N, C-alpha and C. Protein backbone atom coordinates (compact mmCIF):
# COMPACT_ATOMS: atom_id res chain seq x y z
N MET A 1 149.56 43.20 -11.29
CA MET A 1 149.81 42.18 -10.30
C MET A 1 148.91 40.98 -10.55
N THR A 2 149.44 39.80 -10.51
CA THR A 2 148.69 38.58 -10.77
C THR A 2 148.03 38.08 -9.48
N THR A 3 146.77 37.72 -9.59
CA THR A 3 146.03 37.16 -8.47
C THR A 3 146.34 35.67 -8.37
N THR A 4 146.60 35.21 -7.15
CA THR A 4 146.87 33.79 -6.91
C THR A 4 145.74 33.20 -6.07
N LEU A 5 145.73 31.88 -5.97
CA LEU A 5 144.71 31.19 -5.18
C LEU A 5 144.72 31.68 -3.74
N ASN A 6 145.88 31.83 -3.16
CA ASN A 6 146.00 32.28 -1.78
C ASN A 6 145.43 33.68 -1.58
N GLN A 7 145.61 34.56 -2.55
CA GLN A 7 145.12 35.93 -2.42
C GLN A 7 143.60 36.02 -2.45
N LEU A 8 142.92 35.06 -3.06
CA LEU A 8 141.46 35.09 -3.12
C LEU A 8 140.83 35.03 -1.75
N SER A 9 141.47 34.35 -0.81
CA SER A 9 140.88 34.17 0.52
C SER A 9 140.68 35.48 1.26
N ARG A 10 141.29 36.54 0.82
CA ARG A 10 141.14 37.84 1.48
C ARG A 10 139.94 38.63 0.94
N LEU A 11 139.29 38.09 -0.09
CA LEU A 11 138.22 38.82 -0.77
C LEU A 11 136.84 38.37 -0.30
N ARG A 12 135.89 39.29 -0.38
CA ARG A 12 134.50 38.99 -0.02
C ARG A 12 133.73 38.48 -1.24
N THR A 13 134.11 38.97 -2.39
CA THR A 13 133.45 38.57 -3.63
C THR A 13 134.53 38.23 -4.66
N ALA A 14 134.21 37.37 -5.59
CA ALA A 14 135.19 36.92 -6.57
C ALA A 14 135.55 38.05 -7.54
N PRO A 15 136.83 38.19 -7.85
CA PRO A 15 137.25 39.22 -8.80
C PRO A 15 137.13 38.71 -10.24
N GLU A 16 137.18 39.63 -11.18
CA GLU A 16 137.33 39.23 -12.58
C GLU A 16 138.78 38.82 -12.75
N LEU A 17 139.00 37.73 -13.46
CA LEU A 17 140.35 37.21 -13.63
C LEU A 17 140.75 37.21 -15.10
N SER A 18 142.01 37.49 -15.35
CA SER A 18 142.53 37.40 -16.70
C SER A 18 142.71 35.92 -17.05
N ILE A 19 142.96 35.64 -18.31
CA ILE A 19 143.19 34.26 -18.75
C ILE A 19 144.40 33.68 -18.02
N ASP A 20 145.47 34.46 -17.89
CA ASP A 20 146.66 33.98 -17.18
C ASP A 20 146.37 33.71 -15.71
N GLU A 21 145.60 34.58 -15.06
CA GLU A 21 145.25 34.37 -13.66
C GLU A 21 144.40 33.11 -13.50
N ARG A 22 143.47 32.88 -14.42
CA ARG A 22 142.64 31.67 -14.37
C ARG A 22 143.52 30.42 -14.50
N ARG A 23 144.47 30.46 -15.39
CA ARG A 23 145.37 29.32 -15.59
C ARG A 23 146.18 29.05 -14.33
N ILE A 24 146.76 30.10 -13.76
CA ILE A 24 147.57 29.96 -12.54
C ILE A 24 146.74 29.41 -11.39
N ILE A 25 145.58 30.01 -11.18
CA ILE A 25 144.71 29.58 -10.08
C ILE A 25 144.21 28.16 -10.30
N SER A 26 143.86 27.82 -11.53
CA SER A 26 143.41 26.47 -11.83
C SER A 26 144.48 25.44 -11.52
N GLU A 27 145.72 25.73 -11.88
CA GLU A 27 146.83 24.81 -11.59
C GLU A 27 147.05 24.69 -10.09
N GLU A 28 147.04 25.83 -9.38
CA GLU A 28 147.21 25.80 -7.92
C GLU A 28 146.09 25.01 -7.25
N LEU A 29 144.86 25.25 -7.69
CA LEU A 29 143.70 24.57 -7.11
C LEU A 29 143.78 23.07 -7.35
N SER A 30 144.16 22.66 -8.53
CA SER A 30 144.28 21.25 -8.86
C SER A 30 145.28 20.55 -7.93
N VAL A 31 146.42 21.16 -7.71
CA VAL A 31 147.44 20.59 -6.83
C VAL A 31 146.88 20.45 -5.41
N GLN A 32 146.23 21.51 -4.91
CA GLN A 32 145.70 21.49 -3.54
C GLN A 32 144.56 20.49 -3.38
N MET A 33 143.69 20.39 -4.38
CA MET A 33 142.55 19.50 -4.28
C MET A 33 142.99 18.03 -4.29
N HIS A 34 144.08 17.74 -4.94
CA HIS A 34 144.56 16.35 -4.97
C HIS A 34 145.05 15.87 -3.59
N LEU A 35 145.23 16.80 -2.68
CA LEU A 35 145.66 16.45 -1.32
C LEU A 35 144.49 16.09 -0.41
N MET A 36 143.27 16.29 -0.90
CA MET A 36 142.07 16.10 -0.10
C MET A 36 141.28 14.89 -0.60
N ASN A 37 140.37 14.40 0.27
CA ASN A 37 139.57 13.22 -0.07
C ASN A 37 138.17 13.55 -0.57
N TRP A 38 137.58 14.61 -0.04
CA TRP A 38 136.23 14.99 -0.44
C TRP A 38 136.04 16.48 -0.20
N PHE A 39 134.93 17.04 -0.72
CA PHE A 39 134.78 18.49 -0.75
C PHE A 39 133.35 18.94 -0.41
N THR A 40 133.27 20.15 0.13
CA THR A 40 132.01 20.87 0.20
C THR A 40 132.18 22.12 -0.65
N VAL A 41 131.09 22.58 -1.21
CA VAL A 41 131.12 23.75 -2.09
C VAL A 41 130.05 24.73 -1.63
N GLY A 42 130.42 25.98 -1.51
CA GLY A 42 129.48 27.05 -1.22
C GLY A 42 129.42 27.96 -2.43
N VAL A 43 128.22 28.28 -2.86
CA VAL A 43 128.06 29.19 -4.00
C VAL A 43 127.18 30.35 -3.55
N MET A 44 127.74 31.55 -3.66
CA MET A 44 127.01 32.78 -3.35
C MET A 44 126.62 33.40 -4.69
N ALA A 45 125.33 33.55 -4.93
CA ALA A 45 124.87 34.03 -6.24
C ALA A 45 123.60 34.85 -6.09
N THR A 46 123.22 35.52 -7.18
CA THR A 46 122.04 36.37 -7.18
C THR A 46 120.74 35.59 -7.28
N SER A 47 120.83 34.30 -7.63
CA SER A 47 119.62 33.47 -7.72
C SER A 47 119.99 32.00 -7.56
N ALA A 48 118.98 31.19 -7.24
CA ALA A 48 119.20 29.75 -7.10
C ALA A 48 119.62 29.14 -8.42
N ASP A 49 119.02 29.58 -9.53
CA ASP A 49 119.39 29.05 -10.85
C ASP A 49 120.85 29.33 -11.18
N ARG A 50 121.27 30.52 -10.90
CA ARG A 50 122.67 30.91 -11.18
C ARG A 50 123.63 30.10 -10.30
N ALA A 51 123.28 29.90 -9.04
CA ALA A 51 124.13 29.13 -8.13
C ALA A 51 124.22 27.67 -8.59
N LEU A 52 123.09 27.10 -8.96
CA LEU A 52 123.08 25.71 -9.41
C LEU A 52 123.85 25.54 -10.71
N LYS A 53 123.75 26.49 -11.60
CA LYS A 53 124.50 26.44 -12.87
C LYS A 53 126.01 26.45 -12.59
N ALA A 54 126.44 27.29 -11.66
CA ALA A 54 127.87 27.35 -11.30
C ALA A 54 128.32 26.02 -10.70
N LEU A 55 127.50 25.42 -9.83
CA LEU A 55 127.85 24.13 -9.24
C LEU A 55 127.92 23.05 -10.31
N ARG A 56 126.95 23.02 -11.21
CA ARG A 56 126.94 21.98 -12.26
C ARG A 56 128.18 22.10 -13.16
N SER A 57 128.62 23.32 -13.44
CA SER A 57 129.82 23.47 -14.27
C SER A 57 131.06 22.98 -13.51
N LEU A 58 131.09 23.19 -12.19
CA LEU A 58 132.18 22.67 -11.36
C LEU A 58 132.17 21.14 -11.39
N GLU A 59 131.00 20.54 -11.18
CA GLU A 59 130.89 19.08 -11.20
C GLU A 59 131.36 18.51 -12.54
N ASP A 60 130.92 19.11 -13.64
CA ASP A 60 131.31 18.65 -14.97
C ASP A 60 132.82 18.78 -15.18
N SER A 61 133.35 19.94 -14.81
CA SER A 61 134.78 20.20 -15.02
C SER A 61 135.67 19.25 -14.23
N LEU A 62 135.24 18.91 -13.00
CA LEU A 62 136.06 18.06 -12.14
C LEU A 62 135.70 16.57 -12.23
N GLY A 63 134.69 16.26 -13.05
CA GLY A 63 134.30 14.86 -13.22
C GLY A 63 133.59 14.27 -12.03
N TRP A 64 132.90 15.10 -11.25
CA TRP A 64 132.17 14.63 -10.08
C TRP A 64 130.80 14.10 -10.49
N GLU A 65 130.29 13.17 -9.69
CA GLU A 65 128.90 12.73 -9.84
C GLU A 65 127.99 13.91 -9.49
N PRO A 66 126.92 14.14 -10.24
CA PRO A 66 126.00 15.24 -9.89
C PRO A 66 125.37 15.02 -8.52
N MET A 67 125.33 16.06 -7.74
CA MET A 67 124.69 16.01 -6.43
C MET A 67 123.21 16.34 -6.58
N VAL A 68 122.43 16.05 -5.55
CA VAL A 68 120.98 16.18 -5.60
C VAL A 68 120.52 17.30 -4.67
N VAL A 69 119.62 18.14 -5.18
CA VAL A 69 119.04 19.20 -4.35
C VAL A 69 118.05 18.55 -3.40
N VAL A 70 118.32 18.67 -2.10
CA VAL A 70 117.42 18.10 -1.08
C VAL A 70 116.62 19.17 -0.35
N ASP A 71 117.06 20.42 -0.48
CA ASP A 71 116.35 21.52 0.17
C ASP A 71 116.63 22.78 -0.64
N SER A 72 115.57 23.50 -0.99
CA SER A 72 115.74 24.72 -1.78
C SER A 72 114.69 25.74 -1.37
N THR A 73 114.72 26.86 -2.05
CA THR A 73 113.77 27.93 -1.79
C THR A 73 113.01 28.26 -3.05
N GLU A 74 111.76 28.62 -2.90
CA GLU A 74 110.95 29.08 -4.03
C GLU A 74 111.04 30.60 -4.17
N ALA A 75 111.53 31.25 -3.13
CA ALA A 75 111.63 32.71 -3.14
C ALA A 75 112.74 33.15 -4.10
N SER A 76 112.61 34.34 -4.63
CA SER A 76 113.66 34.87 -5.49
C SER A 76 114.54 35.80 -4.66
N GLY A 77 115.78 35.90 -5.06
CA GLY A 77 116.72 36.76 -4.35
C GLY A 77 118.07 36.10 -4.25
N PRO A 78 119.01 36.75 -3.57
CA PRO A 78 120.36 36.21 -3.44
C PRO A 78 120.34 34.94 -2.59
N VAL A 79 121.19 33.99 -2.96
CA VAL A 79 121.19 32.70 -2.28
C VAL A 79 122.59 32.27 -1.86
N TYR A 80 122.60 31.32 -0.94
CA TYR A 80 123.80 30.58 -0.59
C TYR A 80 123.48 29.11 -0.84
N LEU A 81 124.23 28.49 -1.72
CA LEU A 81 124.08 27.08 -2.02
C LEU A 81 125.20 26.34 -1.31
N LYS A 82 124.87 25.27 -0.59
CA LYS A 82 125.87 24.45 0.09
C LYS A 82 125.74 23.03 -0.44
N ALA A 83 126.83 22.54 -1.04
CA ALA A 83 126.84 21.19 -1.60
C ALA A 83 127.88 20.36 -0.85
N ASN A 84 127.52 19.13 -0.53
CA ASN A 84 128.39 18.23 0.21
C ASN A 84 128.65 17.00 -0.65
N GLN A 85 129.88 16.88 -1.13
CA GLN A 85 130.23 15.78 -2.02
C GLN A 85 130.11 14.42 -1.31
N LYS A 86 130.40 14.38 -0.04
CA LYS A 86 130.35 13.11 0.71
C LYS A 86 128.93 12.56 0.82
N THR A 87 127.97 13.45 1.05
CA THR A 87 126.57 13.01 1.17
C THR A 87 125.82 13.12 -0.15
N GLY A 88 126.38 13.86 -1.11
CA GLY A 88 125.74 14.04 -2.41
C GLY A 88 124.57 15.00 -2.37
N SER A 89 124.48 15.82 -1.32
CA SER A 89 123.32 16.69 -1.15
C SER A 89 123.64 18.16 -1.40
N ILE A 90 122.60 18.87 -1.84
CA ILE A 90 122.67 20.31 -2.10
C ILE A 90 121.53 20.97 -1.33
N ARG A 91 121.85 22.04 -0.63
CA ARG A 91 120.84 22.84 0.07
C ARG A 91 121.01 24.29 -0.39
N ILE A 92 119.87 24.94 -0.68
CA ILE A 92 119.89 26.33 -1.15
C ILE A 92 118.96 27.16 -0.28
N ARG A 93 119.48 28.29 0.20
CA ARG A 93 118.67 29.18 1.03
C ARG A 93 118.88 30.63 0.60
N ILE A 94 117.87 31.44 0.84
CA ILE A 94 118.01 32.88 0.61
C ILE A 94 119.00 33.42 1.64
N GLU A 95 119.93 34.22 1.19
CA GLU A 95 120.94 34.80 2.09
C GLU A 95 121.33 36.17 1.54
N HIS A 96 121.04 37.19 2.30
CA HIS A 96 121.37 38.55 1.89
C HIS A 96 122.75 38.94 2.41
N ASP A 97 123.30 39.99 1.85
CA ASP A 97 124.57 40.58 2.29
C ASP A 97 125.78 39.67 2.14
N LEU A 98 125.74 38.81 1.14
CA LEU A 98 126.90 37.98 0.82
C LEU A 98 127.61 38.58 -0.40
N GLY A 99 128.82 38.13 -0.63
CA GLY A 99 129.51 38.46 -1.86
C GLY A 99 128.95 37.58 -2.97
N CYS A 100 129.77 37.35 -3.99
CA CYS A 100 129.38 36.52 -5.10
C CYS A 100 130.58 35.65 -5.47
N GLY A 101 130.38 34.36 -5.63
CA GLY A 101 131.47 33.49 -6.02
C GLY A 101 131.31 32.08 -5.49
N ILE A 102 132.34 31.26 -5.78
CA ILE A 102 132.36 29.86 -5.39
C ILE A 102 133.45 29.66 -4.34
N LEU A 103 133.08 28.99 -3.25
CA LEU A 103 134.03 28.61 -2.21
C LEU A 103 134.10 27.09 -2.19
N ILE A 104 135.31 26.55 -2.18
CA ILE A 104 135.50 25.11 -2.13
C ILE A 104 136.26 24.78 -0.85
N SER A 105 135.74 23.84 -0.08
CA SER A 105 136.42 23.37 1.13
C SER A 105 136.88 21.94 0.90
N GLY A 106 138.16 21.70 1.13
CA GLY A 106 138.71 20.36 1.01
C GLY A 106 138.78 19.71 2.37
N HIS A 107 138.42 18.42 2.43
CA HIS A 107 138.38 17.68 3.68
C HIS A 107 139.12 16.35 3.51
N GLY A 108 139.65 15.86 4.61
CA GLY A 108 140.29 14.56 4.62
C GLY A 108 139.43 13.56 5.35
N ASP A 109 139.70 12.29 5.13
CA ASP A 109 138.98 11.24 5.86
C ASP A 109 139.53 11.07 7.27
N ASP A 110 140.73 11.55 7.50
CA ASP A 110 141.39 11.48 8.80
C ASP A 110 141.00 12.72 9.61
N ALA A 111 140.53 12.53 10.83
CA ALA A 111 140.12 13.66 11.67
C ALA A 111 141.26 14.63 11.92
N GLY A 112 142.49 14.18 11.81
CA GLY A 112 143.64 15.04 12.03
C GLY A 112 144.00 15.90 10.83
N GLN A 113 143.40 15.61 9.66
CA GLN A 113 143.71 16.39 8.46
C GLN A 113 142.87 17.66 8.47
N GLN A 114 143.55 18.78 8.40
CA GLN A 114 142.89 20.08 8.49
C GLN A 114 142.13 20.40 7.20
N SER A 115 140.94 20.97 7.35
CA SER A 115 140.15 21.43 6.19
C SER A 115 140.76 22.72 5.65
N THR A 116 140.59 22.92 4.35
CA THR A 116 141.09 24.12 3.69
C THR A 116 139.98 24.70 2.83
N ILE A 117 139.89 26.04 2.79
CA ILE A 117 138.89 26.72 1.95
C ILE A 117 139.61 27.52 0.88
N TRP A 118 139.14 27.37 -0.37
CA TRP A 118 139.68 28.13 -1.50
C TRP A 118 138.58 28.98 -2.10
N GLY A 119 138.93 30.19 -2.49
CA GLY A 119 137.99 31.07 -3.15
C GLY A 119 137.86 32.37 -2.39
N PRO A 120 136.95 33.22 -2.86
CA PRO A 120 135.91 32.98 -3.84
C PRO A 120 136.44 33.01 -5.28
N LEU A 121 135.97 32.04 -6.04
CA LEU A 121 136.26 31.95 -7.47
C LEU A 121 135.05 32.52 -8.22
N PRO A 122 135.28 33.13 -9.39
CA PRO A 122 134.14 33.63 -10.18
C PRO A 122 133.14 32.51 -10.49
N LEU A 123 131.86 32.86 -10.59
CA LEU A 123 130.82 31.88 -10.86
C LEU A 123 131.06 31.13 -12.17
N ASN A 124 131.71 31.77 -13.13
CA ASN A 124 131.97 31.13 -14.42
C ASN A 124 133.36 30.49 -14.50
N PHE A 125 134.05 30.38 -13.38
CA PHE A 125 135.42 29.87 -13.38
C PHE A 125 135.54 28.48 -14.02
N PHE A 126 134.64 27.59 -13.70
CA PHE A 126 134.72 26.21 -14.21
C PHE A 126 134.10 26.06 -15.59
N GLN A 127 133.38 27.05 -16.07
CA GLN A 127 132.83 27.03 -17.42
C GLN A 127 133.92 27.30 -18.44
N GLU A 128 134.94 27.98 -18.03
CA GLU A 128 135.95 28.44 -18.98
C GLU A 128 137.26 27.67 -18.88
N LEU A 129 137.29 26.57 -18.12
CA LEU A 129 138.53 25.79 -18.00
C LEU A 129 138.61 24.76 -19.11
C-alpha cells in the first residue's frame, strides 16, 4: 500500500518511505503548498543539531531564505524546533515523548484562509528530493 500525504497526518512519527512514496508525497505537498502564503515548520528530533539540519535541508530544497535561531537549548536530548517563515525565527526546546519528523503548517494572509498541517515527514525527506 502506498503512503500518501493525507495518510501521514494519522501518524505520530514519520515512516520510512519508498522512492515512489517520496515522489508522490513530494508532488502532493508541492501542490498544497502553492495554495498558501507562508509557513511554520515543526521538527521533532533526537537533538537540536539533527532538527536544525532537517530544517536547513527543507529551506534549501524549497528555496527559502535561511531563518535565524533566536532561542535554543544547551541541554542534550530530544527537541522540538519551531520555525516561523513570516518572522524568520527559529526556537528550539527540549521536549520528551514526541515522535520524530517534520511538520509543515501552511498559512494564508487572509484571516478566513484555514491553516493546514502536513506530516510528519521523515527528517531526511528534503535531503533526497
